[in-house]
Amino acid sequence: MGWLSMATRKELTAAAGARYRRSDRAKKTRILDEFVDITGFHRKHAMRALRGQEDARPGRRARRRVYNEAEHNALVLLWEAQTGSAASG
């Protein structure tokens, strides 16, 4: 496996992906093996790329962490104790 530019990887993914999506299981295995050897992608990532999935869980967002004031104060106290700093404020 050599170095591939992003444009080359996109072209390769588009070409192999079209063949992959219309192939039976045995052909998919061969296409996937070749694609992994050429690109160096992990197998699961390569399968998702060839299926045309950008993200494993589309539409999923990271949760915002919201602490009430008591929890926030407790976390600050623990952080200060761990780092040994006495923050004024």
PDB file of N, CA and C in Angstrom:
ATOM      1  N   MET A   1       0.835  -1.168   0.000  1.00  0.00           N
ATOM      2  CA  MET A   1       0.000   0.000   0.000  1.00  0.00           C
ATOM      3  C   MET A   1       0.880   1.232   0.000  1.00  0.00           C
ATOM      4  N   GLY A   2       0.640   2.099  -0.930  1.00  0.00           N
ATOM      5  CA  GLY A   2       1.382   3.347  -0.996  1.00  0.00           C
ATOM      6  C   GLY A   2       0.516   4.498  -0.539  1.00  0.00           C
ATOM      7  N   TRP A   3       1.043   5.679  -0.690  1.00  0.00           N
ATOM      8  CA  TRP A   3       0.320   6.867  -0.299  1.00  0.00           C
ATOM      9  C   TRP A   3      -0.700   7.207  -1.372  1.00  0.00           C
ATOM     10  N   LEU A   4      -1.941   7.461  -0.970  1.00  0.00           N
ATOM     11  CA  LEU A   4      -2.996   7.847  -1.905  1.00  0.00           C
ATOM     12  C   LEU A   4      -3.505   9.225  -1.532  1.00  0.00           C
ATOM     13  N   SER A   5      -3.690  10.066  -2.541  1.00  0.00           N
ATOM     14  CA  SER A   5      -4.243  11.386  -2.257  1.00  0.00           C
ATOM     15  C   SER A   5      -5.726  11.248  -1.936  1.00  0.00           C
ATOM     16  N   MET A   6      -6.291  12.281  -1.333  1.00  0.00           N
ATOM     17  CA  MET A   6      -7.701  12.265  -0.982  1.00  0.00           C
ATOM     18  C   MET A   6      -8.561  12.136  -2.239  1.00  0.00           C
ATOM     19  N   ALA A   7      -8.185  12.805  -3.307  1.00  0.00           N
ATOM     20  CA  ALA A   7      -8.945  12.727  -4.555  1.00  0.00           C
ATOM     21  C   ALA A   7      -8.929  11.305  -5.110  1.00  0.00           C
ATOM     22  N   THR A   8      -7.768  10.669  -5.046  1.00  0.00           N
ATOM     23  CA  THR A   8      -7.653   9.292  -5.531  1.00  0.00           C
ATOM     24  C   THR A   8      -8.512   8.351  -4.695  1.00  0.00           C
ATOM     25  N   ARG A   9      -8.486   8.545  -3.358  1.00  0.00           N
ATOM     26  CA  ARG A   9      -9.314   7.698  -2.492  1.00  0.00           C
ATOM     27  C   ARG A   9     -10.792   7.874  -2.780  1.00  0.00           C
ATOM     28  N   LYS A  10     -11.209   9.128  -3.032  1.00  0.00           N
ATOM     29  CA  LYS A  10     -12.623   9.381  -3.338  1.00  0.00           C
ATOM     30  C   LYS A  10     -13.024   8.736  -4.661  1.00  0.00           C
ATOM     31  N   GLU A  11     -12.163   8.844  -5.662  1.00  0.00           N
ATOM     32  CA  GLU A  11     -12.450   8.221  -6.955  1.00  0.00           C
ATOM     33  C   GLU A  11     -12.524   6.697  -6.818  1.00  0.00           C
ATOM     34  N   LEU A  12     -11.576   6.138  -6.102  1.00  0.00           N
ATOM     35  CA  LEU A  12     -11.537   4.694  -5.889  1.00  0.00           C
ATOM     36  C   LEU A  12     -12.769   4.220  -5.120  1.00  0.00           C
ATOM     37  N   THR A  13     -13.152   4.975  -4.094  1.00  0.00           N
ATOM     38  CA  THR A  13     -14.331   4.621  -3.302  1.00  0.00           C
ATOM     39  C   THR A  13     -15.591   4.674  -4.155  1.00  0.00           C
ATOM     40  N   ALA A  14     -15.705   5.696  -5.002  1.00  0.00           N
ATOM     41  CA  ALA A  14     -16.883   5.819  -5.859  1.00  0.00           C
ATOM     42  C   ALA A  14     -16.957   4.663  -6.864  1.00  0.00           C
ATOM     43  N   ALA A  15     -15.826   4.341  -7.477  1.00  0.00           N
ATOM     44  CA  ALA A  15     -15.817   3.272  -8.486  1.00  0.00           C
ATOM     45  C   ALA A  15     -16.061   1.908  -7.846  1.00  0.00           C
ATOM     46  N   ALA A  16     -15.345   1.614  -6.775  1.00  0.00           N
ATOM     47  CA  ALA A  16     -15.498   0.319  -6.114  1.00  0.00           C
ATOM     48  C   ALA A  16     -16.854   0.232  -5.427  1.00  0.00           C
ATOM     49  N   GLY A  17     -17.346   1.353  -4.910  1.00  0.00           N
ATOM     50  CA  GLY A  17     -18.638   1.366  -4.227  1.00  0.00           C
ATOM     51  C   GLY A  17     -19.780   1.013  -5.168  1.00  0.00           C
ATOM     52  N   ALA A  18     -19.722   1.517  -6.384  1.00  0.00           N
ATOM     53  CA  ALA A  18     -20.769   1.199  -7.366  1.00  0.00           C
ATOM     54  C   ALA A  18     -20.783  -0.305  -7.659  1.00  0.00           C
ATOM     55  N   ARG A  19     -19.608  -0.892  -7.841  1.00  0.00           N
ATOM     56  CA  ARG A  19     -19.534  -2.343  -8.064  1.00  0.00           C
ATOM     57  C   ARG A  19     -19.961  -3.108  -6.830  1.00  0.00           C
ATOM     58  N   TYR A  20     -19.548  -2.639  -5.661  1.00  0.00           N
ATOM     59  CA  TYR A  20     -19.839  -3.324  -4.395  1.00  0.00           C
ATOM     60  C   TYR A  20     -21.341  -3.398  -4.142  1.00  0.00           C
ATOM     61  N   ARG A  21     -22.042  -2.287  -4.353  1.00  0.00           N
ATOM     62  CA  ARG A  21     -23.473  -2.238  -4.048  1.00  0.00           C
ATOM     63  C   ARG A  21     -24.309  -3.146  -4.949  1.00  0.00           C
ATOM     64  N   ARG A  22     -23.851  -3.407  -6.163  1.00  0.00           N
ATOM     65  CA  ARG A  22     -24.657  -4.250  -7.058  1.00  0.00           C
ATOM     66  C   ARG A  22     -24.149  -5.701  -7.136  1.00  0.00           C
ATOM     67  N   SER A  23     -23.206  -6.063  -6.281  1.00  0.00           N
ATOM     68  CA  SER A  23     -22.617  -7.405  -6.320  1.00  0.00           C
ATOM     69  C   SER A  23     -23.263  -8.336  -5.309  1.00  0.00           C
ATOM     70  N   ASP A  24     -23.059  -9.652  -5.550  1.00  0.00           N
ATOM     71  CA  ASP A  24     -23.510 -10.639  -4.575  1.00  0.00           C
ATOM     72  C   ASP A  24     -22.454 -10.769  -3.478  1.00  0.00           C
ATOM     73  N   ARG A  25     -22.720 -11.592  -2.502  1.00  0.00           N
ATOM     74  CA  ARG A  25     -21.873 -11.674  -1.313  1.00  0.00           C
ATOM     75  C   ARG A  25     -20.430 -12.082  -1.636  1.00  0.00           C
ATOM     76  N   ALA A  26     -20.244 -13.065  -2.503  1.00  0.00           N
ATOM     77  CA  ALA A  26     -18.894 -13.538  -2.830  1.00  0.00           C
ATOM     78  C   ALA A  26     -18.079 -12.438  -3.512  1.00  0.00           C
ATOM     79  N   LYS A  27     -18.703 -11.718  -4.435  1.00  0.00           N
ATOM     80  CA  LYS A  27     -17.999 -10.639  -5.133  1.00  0.00           C
ATOM     81  C   LYS A  27     -17.701  -9.481  -4.176  1.00  0.00           C
ATOM     82  N   LYS A  28     -18.634  -9.218  -3.260  1.00  0.00           N
ATOM     83  CA  LYS A  28     -18.407  -8.157  -2.284  1.00  0.00           C
ATOM     84  C   LYS A  28     -17.169  -8.450  -1.448  1.00  0.00           C
ATOM     85  N   THR A  29     -16.991  -9.704  -1.076  1.00  0.00           N
ATOM     86  CA  THR A  29     -15.829 -10.090  -0.283  1.00  0.00           C
ATOM     87  C   THR A  29     -14.545  -9.799  -1.044  1.00  0.00           C
ATOM     88  N   ARG A  30     -14.499 -10.153  -2.308  1.00  0.00           N
ATOM     89  CA  ARG A  30     -13.293  -9.904  -3.116  1.00  0.00           C
ATOM     90  C   ARG A  30     -13.045  -8.415  -3.309  1.00  0.00           C
ATOM     91  N   ILE A  31     -14.119  -7.663  -3.597  1.00  0.00           N
ATOM     92  CA  ILE A  31     -13.976  -6.218  -3.777  1.00  0.00           C
ATOM     93  C   ILE A  31     -13.472  -5.580  -2.489  1.00  0.00           C
ATOM     94  N   LEU A  32     -14.047  -6.007  -1.370  1.00  0.00           N
ATOM     95  CA  LEU A  32     -13.660  -5.465  -0.077  1.00  0.00           C
ATOM     96  C   LEU A  32     -12.198  -5.791   0.237  1.00  0.00           C
ATOM     97  N   ASP A  33     -11.775  -7.028  -0.025  1.00  0.00           N
ATOM     98  CA  ASP A  33     -10.376  -7.415   0.216  1.00  0.00           C
ATOM     99  C   ASP A  33      -9.414  -6.543  -0.593  1.00  0.00           C
ATOM    100  N   GLU A  34      -9.719  -6.341  -1.865  1.00  0.00           N
ATOM    101  CA  GLU A  34      -8.869  -5.515  -2.718  1.00  0.00           C
ATOM    102  C   GLU A  34      -8.847  -4.070  -2.233  1.00  0.00           C
ATOM    103  N   PHE A  35     -10.022  -3.559  -1.877  1.00  0.00           N
ATOM    104  CA  PHE A  35     -10.146  -2.171  -1.437  1.00  0.00           C
ATOM    105  C   PHE A  35      -9.340  -1.933  -0.152  1.00  0.00           C
ATOM    106  N   VAL A  36      -9.413  -2.878   0.784  1.00  0.00           N
ATOM    107  CA  VAL A  36      -8.665  -2.761   2.036  1.00  0.00           C
ATOM    108  C   VAL A  36      -7.163  -2.817   1.765  1.00  0.00           C
ATOM    109  N   ASP A  37      -6.734  -3.701   0.869  1.00  0.00           N
ATOM    110  CA  ASP A  37      -5.310  -3.800   0.538  1.00  0.00           C
ATOM    111  C   ASP A  37      -4.783  -2.510  -0.088  1.00  0.00           C
ATOM    112  N   ILE A  38      -5.578  -1.907  -0.959  1.00  0.00           N
ATOM    113  CA  ILE A  38      -5.136  -0.701  -1.664  1.00  0.00           C
ATOM    114  C   ILE A  38      -5.142   0.519  -0.751  1.00  0.00           C
ATOM    115  N   THR A  39      -6.226   0.698  -0.005  1.00  0.00           N
ATOM    116  CA  THR A  39      -6.382   1.923   0.786  1.00  0.00           C
ATOM    117  C   THR A  39      -5.771   1.844   2.171  1.00  0.00           C
ATOM    118  N   GLY A  40      -5.692   0.645   2.737  1.00  0.00           N
ATOM    119  CA  GLY A  40      -5.205   0.506   4.096  1.00  0.00           C
ATOM    120  C   GLY A  40      -6.267   0.788   5.142  1.00  0.00           C
ATOM    121  N   PHE A  41      -7.507   0.973   4.702  1.00  0.00           N
ATOM    122  CA  PHE A  41      -8.606   1.213   5.637  1.00  0.00           C
ATOM    123  C   PHE A  41      -8.858  -0.043   6.458  1.00  0.00           C
ATOM    124  N   HIS A  42      -9.417   0.137   7.649  1.00  0.00           N
ATOM    125  CA  HIS A  42      -9.896  -1.005   8.412  1.00  0.00           C
ATOM    126  C   HIS A  42     -11.100  -1.575   7.681  1.00  0.00           C
ATOM    127  N   ARG A  43     -11.331  -2.856   7.842  1.00  0.00           N
ATOM    128  CA  ARG A  43     -12.375  -3.542   7.086  1.00  0.00           C
ATOM    129  C   ARG A  43     -13.761  -2.945   7.308  1.00  0.00           C
ATOM    130  N   LYS A  44     -14.108  -2.661   8.557  1.00  0.00           N
ATOM    131  CA  LYS A  44     -15.434  -2.122   8.856  1.00  0.00           C
ATOM    132  C   LYS A  44     -15.600  -0.723   8.248  1.00  0.00           C
ATOM    133  N   HIS A  45     -14.563   0.077   8.320  1.00  0.00           N
ATOM    134  CA  HIS A  45     -14.618   1.407   7.718  1.00  0.00           C
ATOM    135  C   HIS A  45     -14.776   1.292   6.203  1.00  0.00           C
ATOM    136  N   ALA A  46     -14.064   0.361   5.610  1.00  0.00           N
ATOM    137  CA  ALA A  46     -14.149   0.166   4.167  1.00  0.00           C
ATOM    138  C   ALA A  46     -15.558  -0.265   3.754  1.00  0.00           C
ATOM    139  N   MET A  47     -16.172  -1.148   4.539  1.00  0.00           N
ATOM    140  CA  MET A  47     -17.539  -1.589   4.220  1.00  0.00           C
ATOM    141  C   MET A  47     -18.494  -0.405   4.252  1.00  0.00           C
ATOM    142  N   ARG A  48     -18.375   0.439   5.260  1.00  0.00           N
ATOM    143  CA  ARG A  48     -19.255   1.607   5.365  1.00  0.00           C
ATOM    144  C   ARG A  48     -19.013   2.576   4.215  1.00  0.00           C
ATOM    145  N   ALA A  49     -17.752   2.765   3.859  1.00  0.00           N
ATOM    146  CA  ALA A  49     -17.426   3.680   2.766  1.00  0.00           C
ATOM    147  C   ALA A  49     -17.987   3.161   1.442  1.00  0.00           C
ATOM    148  N   LEU A  50     -17.868   1.862   1.202  1.00  0.00           N
ATOM    149  CA  LEU A  50     -18.358   1.290  -0.049  1.00  0.00           C
ATOM    150  C   LEU A  50     -19.886   1.255  -0.113  1.00  0.00           C
ATOM    151  N   ARG A  51     -20.519   1.168   1.047  1.00  0.00           N
ATOM    152  CA  ARG A  51     -21.986   1.225   1.067  1.00  0.00           C
ATOM    153  C   ARG A  51     -22.490   2.645   0.908  1.00  0.00           C
ATOM    154  N   GLY A  52     -21.601   3.622   1.055  1.00  0.00           N
ATOM    155  CA  GLY A  52     -21.986   5.015   0.892  1.00  0.00           C
ATOM    156  C   GLY A  52     -22.424   5.667   2.180  1.00  0.00           C
ATOM    157  N   GLN A  53     -22.090   5.065   3.307  1.00  0.00           N
ATOM    158  CA  GLN A  53     -22.431   5.646   4.603  1.00  0.00           C
ATOM    159  C   GLN A  53     -21.277   6.507   5.073  1.00  0.00           C
ATOM    160  N   GLU A  54     -21.549   7.765   5.324  1.00  0.00           N
ATOM    161  CA  GLU A  54     -20.509   8.648   5.828  1.00  0.00           C
ATOM    162  C   GLU A  54     -20.278   8.416   7.308  1.00  0.00           C
ATOM    163  N   ASP A  55     -21.355   8.203   8.044  1.00  0.00           N
ATOM    164  CA  ASP A  55     -21.255   8.045   9.487  1.00  0.00           C
ATOM    165  C   ASP A  55     -22.029   6.799   9.881  1.00  0.00           C
ATOM    166  N   ALA A  56     -21.556   6.099  10.885  1.00  0.00           N
ATOM    167  CA  ALA A  56     -22.229   4.879  11.321  1.00  0.00           C
ATOM    168  C   ALA A  56     -23.610   5.184  11.891  1.00  0.00           C
ATOM    169  N   ARG A  57     -23.751   6.326  12.556  1.00  0.00           N
ATOM    170  CA  ARG A  57     -25.027   6.697  13.146  1.00  0.00           C
ATOM    171  C   ARG A  57     -25.388   8.112  12.712  1.00  0.00           C
ATOM    172  N   PRO A  58     -26.005   8.251  11.544  1.00  0.00           N
ATOM    173  CA  PRO A  58     -26.312   9.598  11.058  1.00  0.00           C
ATOM    174  C   PRO A  58     -27.346  10.293  11.946  1.00  0.00           C
ATOM    175  N   GLY A  59     -27.190  11.584  12.081  1.00  0.00           N
ATOM    176  CA  GLY A  59     -28.138  12.370  12.842  1.00  0.00           C
ATOM    177  C   GLY A  59     -27.931  12.333  14.340  1.00  0.00           C
ATOM    178  N   ARG A  60     -26.957  11.593  14.790  1.00  0.00           N
ATOM    179  CA  ARG A  60     -26.723  11.490  16.225  1.00  0.00           C
ATOM    180  C   ARG A  60     -25.780  12.603  16.669  1.00  0.00           C
ATOM    181  N   ARG A  61     -26.172  13.305  17.700  1.00  0.00           N
ATOM    182  CA  ARG A  61     -25.359  14.394  18.218  1.00  0.00           C
ATOM    183  C   ARG A  61     -24.846  14.057  19.607  1.00  0.00           C
ATOM    184  N   ALA A  62     -23.742  14.646  19.939  1.00  0.00           N
ATOM    185  CA  ALA A  62     -23.208  14.469  21.283  1.00  0.00           C
ATOM    186  C   ALA A  62     -24.107  15.207  22.270  1.00  0.00           C
ATOM    187  N   ARG A  63     -24.306  14.612  23.409  1.00  0.00           N
ATOM    188  CA  ARG A  63     -25.126  15.238  24.439  1.00  0.00           C
ATOM    189  C   ARG A  63     -24.372  16.352  25.128  1.00  0.00           C
ATOM    190  N   ARG A  64     -25.086  17.408  25.436  1.00  0.00           N
ATOM    191  CA  ARG A  64     -24.498  18.468  26.242  1.00  0.00           C
ATOM    192  C   ARG A  64     -24.549  18.036  27.691  1.00  0.00           C
ATOM    193  N   ARG A  65     -23.488  18.252  28.382  1.00  0.00           N
ATOM    194  CA  ARG A  65     -23.466  17.917  29.800  1.00  0.00           C
ATOM    195  C   ARG A  65     -23.972  19.126  30.578  1.00  0.00           C
ATOM    196  N   VAL A  66     -24.981  18.873  31.359  1.00  0.00           N
ATOM    197  CA  VAL A  66     -25.564  19.945  32.151  1.00  0.00           C
ATOM    198  C   VAL A  66     -25.531  19.518  33.612  1.00  0.00           C
ATOM    199  N   TYR A  67     -24.870  20.325  34.416  1.00  0.00           N
ATOM    200  CA  TYR A  67     -24.783  20.044  35.838  1.00  0.00           C
ATOM    201  C   TYR A  67     -25.528  21.129  36.597  1.00  0.00           C
ATOM    202  N   ASN A  68     -26.185  20.727  37.671  1.00  0.00           N
ATOM    203  CA  ASN A  68     -26.790  21.754  38.508  1.00  0.00           C
ATOM    204  C   ASN A  68     -25.676  22.401  39.330  1.00  0.00           C
ATOM    205  N   GLU A  69     -26.015  23.429  40.093  1.00  0.00           N
ATOM    206  CA  GLU A  69     -24.982  24.189  40.789  1.00  0.00           C
ATOM    207  C   GLU A  69     -24.235  23.357  41.829  1.00  0.00           C
ATOM    208  N   ALA A  70     -24.944  22.489  42.531  1.00  0.00           N
ATOM    209  CA  ALA A  70     -24.292  21.658  43.552  1.00  0.00           C
ATOM    210  C   ALA A  70     -23.300  20.689  42.915  1.00  0.00           C
ATOM    211  N   GLU A  71     -23.689  20.064  41.807  1.00  0.00           N
ATOM    212  CA  GLU A  71     -22.786  19.144  41.115  1.00  0.00           C
ATOM    213  C   GLU A  71     -21.573  19.894  40.573  1.00  0.00           C
ATOM    214  N   HIS A  72     -21.811  21.077  40.017  1.00  0.00           N
ATOM    215  CA  HIS A  72     -20.717  21.891  39.481  1.00  0.00           C
ATOM    216  C   HIS A  72     -19.720  22.247  40.581  1.00  0.00           C
ATOM    217  N   ASN A  73     -20.225  22.683  41.723  1.00  0.00           N
ATOM    218  CA  ASN A  73     -19.346  23.047  42.838  1.00  0.00           C
ATOM    219  C   ASN A  73     -18.552  21.842  43.338  1.00  0.00           C
ATOM    220  N   ALA A  74     -19.193  20.677  43.394  1.00  0.00           N
ATOM    221  CA  ALA A  74     -18.498  19.464  43.822  1.00  0.00           C
ATOM    222  C   ALA A  74     -17.388  19.100  42.841  1.00  0.00           C
ATOM    223  N   LEU A  75     -17.655  19.217  41.549  1.00  0.00           N
ATOM    224  CA  LEU A  75     -16.636  18.917  40.543  1.00  0.00           C
ATOM    225  C   LEU A  75     -15.467  19.891  40.617  1.00  0.00           C
ATOM    226  N   VAL A  76     -15.776  21.167  40.817  1.00  0.00           N
ATOM    227  CA  VAL A  76     -14.711  22.162  40.945  1.00  0.00           C
ATOM    228  C   VAL A  76     -13.855  21.860  42.166  1.00  0.00           C
ATOM    229  N   LEU A  77     -14.490  21.498  43.272  1.00  0.00           N
ATOM    230  CA  LEU A  77     -13.768  21.167  44.493  1.00  0.00           C
ATOM    231  C   LEU A  77     -12.844  19.969  44.274  1.00  0.00           C
ATOM    232  N   LEU A  78     -13.348  18.938  43.616  1.00  0.00           N
ATOM    233  CA  LEU A  78     -12.527  17.752  43.323  1.00  0.00           C
ATOM    234  C   LEU A  78     -11.371  18.090  42.383  1.00  0.00           C
ATOM    235  N   TRP A  79     -11.655  18.907  41.399  1.00  0.00           N
ATOM    236  CA  TRP A  79     -10.615  19.285  40.444  1.00  0.00           C
ATOM    237  C   TRP A  79      -9.510  20.059  41.150  1.00  0.00           C
ATOM    238  N   GLU A  80      -9.907  21.002  41.999  1.00  0.00           N
ATOM    239  CA  GLU A  80      -8.915  21.799  42.728  1.00  0.00           C
ATOM    240  C   GLU A  80      -8.080  20.920  43.665  1.00  0.00           C
ATOM    241  N   ALA A  81      -8.736  19.954  44.312  1.00  0.00           N
ATOM    242  CA  ALA A  81      -8.024  19.056  45.221  1.00  0.00           C
ATOM    243  C   ALA A  81      -7.019  18.201  44.454  1.00  0.00           C
ATOM    244  N   GLN A  82      -7.397  17.766  43.268  1.00  0.00           N
ATOM    245  CA  GLN A  82      -6.525  16.911  42.470  1.00  0.00           C
ATOM    246  C   GLN A  82      -5.327  17.672  41.934  1.00  0.00           C
ATOM    247  N   THR A  83      -5.564  18.887  41.451  1.00  0.00           N
ATOM    248  CA  THR A  83      -4.470  19.655  40.836  1.00  0.00           C
ATOM    249  C   THR A  83      -3.644  20.406  41.877  1.00  0.00           C
ATOM    250  N   GLY A  84      -4.198  20.529  43.078  1.00  0.00           N
ATOM    251  CA  GLY A  84      -3.460  21.215  44.121  1.00  0.00           C
ATOM    252  C   GLY A  84      -3.511  22.725  43.989  1.00  0.00           C
ATOM    253  N   SER A  85      -4.378  23.202  43.130  1.00  0.00           N
ATOM    254  CA  SER A  85      -4.477  24.652  42.975  1.00  0.00           C
ATOM    255  C   SER A  85      -5.664  25.180  43.774  1.00  0.00           C
ATOM    256  N   ALA A  86      -5.512  26.353  44.264  1.00  0.00           N
ATOM    257  CA  ALA A  86      -6.597  26.989  45.006  1.00  0.00           C
ATOM    258  C   ALA A  86      -7.081  28.157  44.156  1.00  0.00           C
ATOM    259  N   ALA A  87      -8.107  27.915  43.406  1.00  0.00           N
ATOM    260  CA  ALA A  87      -8.641  28.965  42.539  1.00  0.00           C
ATOM    261  C   ALA A  87      -9.429  29.950  43.366  1.00  0.00           C
ATOM    262  N   SER A  88      -9.197  31.175  43.113  1.00  0.00           N
ATOM    263  CA  SER A  88      -9.948  32.192  43.840  1.00  0.00           C
ATOM    264  C   SER A  88     -11.191  32.535  43.033  1.00  0.00           C
ATOM    265  N   GLY A  89     -12.281  32.650  43.683  1.00  0.00           N
ATOM    266  CA  GLY A  89     -13.449  33.053  42.944  1.00  0.00           C
ATOM    267  C   GLY A  89     -14.630  32.459  43.461  1.00  0.00           C
TER     268      GLY A  89
END
